[in-house]
Protein backbone atom coordinates (compact mmCIF):
# COMPACT_ATOMS: atom_id res chain seq x y z
CA GLN A 1 0.00 0.01 -0.01
CA LYS A 2 1.34 3.43 -0.91
CA GLY A 3 0.82 4.91 2.55
CA SER A 4 2.41 2.15 4.56
CA GLY A 5 5.83 2.20 6.11
CA ILE A 6 7.68 3.47 9.15
CA TYR A 7 7.58 7.20 9.72
CA VAL A 8 10.83 8.78 10.90
CA TYR A 9 9.92 11.33 13.62
CA SER A 10 13.42 12.44 14.53
CA VAL A 11 17.07 11.58 13.95
CA SER A 12 19.99 12.20 16.30
CA ARG A 13 22.43 14.53 14.52
CA ARG A 14 25.48 12.74 15.83
CA SER A 15 24.26 9.26 14.86
CA VAL A 16 25.06 7.30 11.72
CA ALA A 17 21.33 7.46 10.91
CA GLY A 18 21.63 11.23 10.61
CA ASN A 19 23.70 10.70 7.44
CA TYR A 20 20.85 8.85 5.75
CA PHE A 21 17.48 9.76 7.25
CA ARG A 22 15.54 12.98 7.84
CA PRO A 23 12.46 13.61 9.95
CA GLY A 24 9.43 12.96 7.77
CA ASP A 25 10.99 10.12 5.79
CA ILE A 26 8.90 6.98 5.45
CA ILE A 27 10.88 3.75 5.34
CA ARG A 28 9.13 1.48 2.82
CA SER A 29 11.44 -1.54 2.60
CA ILE A 30 14.79 -2.93 3.60
CA ASN A 31 16.55 -5.52 1.43
CA GLY A 32 13.37 -5.76 -0.65
CA LYS A 33 11.22 -6.69 2.34
CA PRO A 34 8.36 -4.32 3.23
CA THR A 35 8.65 -2.64 6.62
CA LYS A 36 5.20 -1.74 7.85
CA THR A 37 5.93 -2.17 11.56
CA VAL A 38 8.87 -1.60 13.87
CA LYS A 39 8.84 -5.34 14.58
CA GLU A 40 9.39 -6.06 10.87
CA LEU A 41 12.14 -3.44 10.73
CA LYS A 42 13.99 -4.95 13.69
CA SER A 43 13.68 -8.44 12.23
CA VAL A 44 15.21 -7.42 8.89
CA LEU A 45 17.98 -5.34 10.48
CA GLY A 46 18.87 -8.12 12.89
CA SER A 47 19.29 -10.72 10.15
CA SER A 48 21.08 -8.75 7.47
CA GLY A 49 24.65 -8.11 8.62
CA LYS A 50 26.19 -4.66 8.27
CA SER A 51 24.62 -3.29 5.12
CA TRP A 52 21.05 -2.69 4.07
CA ASP A 53 19.39 -1.73 0.80
CA ILE A 54 16.74 0.78 1.82
CA GLU A 55 13.80 2.31 -0.03
CA LEU A 56 12.15 5.32 1.49
CA ASP A 57 9.75 8.07 0.60
CA ARG A 58 11.00 11.63 1.10
CA ASN A 59 8.55 14.42 0.24
CA GLY A 60 6.76 12.23 -2.32
CA ARG A 61 9.95 10.98 -3.98
CA THR A 62 11.19 7.43 -3.77
CA ILE A 63 14.81 7.22 -2.69
CA ARG A 64 16.87 4.02 -2.81
CA GLY A 65 20.29 3.51 -1.34
CA THR A 66 22.57 1.30 0.67
CA VAL A 67 23.44 1.96 4.28
CA ARG A 68 26.73 0.43 5.49
CA LEU A 69 28.10 0.41 9.01
């Protein structure tokens, strides 16, 4: 569904996440798996090592990229 995903409310400026995410982003999928709940997000992040292919919506635009730790 177009409106489903995880809404990013805030991001710590000094965190790694601050390099990739902005408040208002909606995380749609990680590694091709939809992320509609925080539980799904944690499951995918916990099983995927140290890099993730992420798709998010930012101001109506779809953005895809890879996050590496």
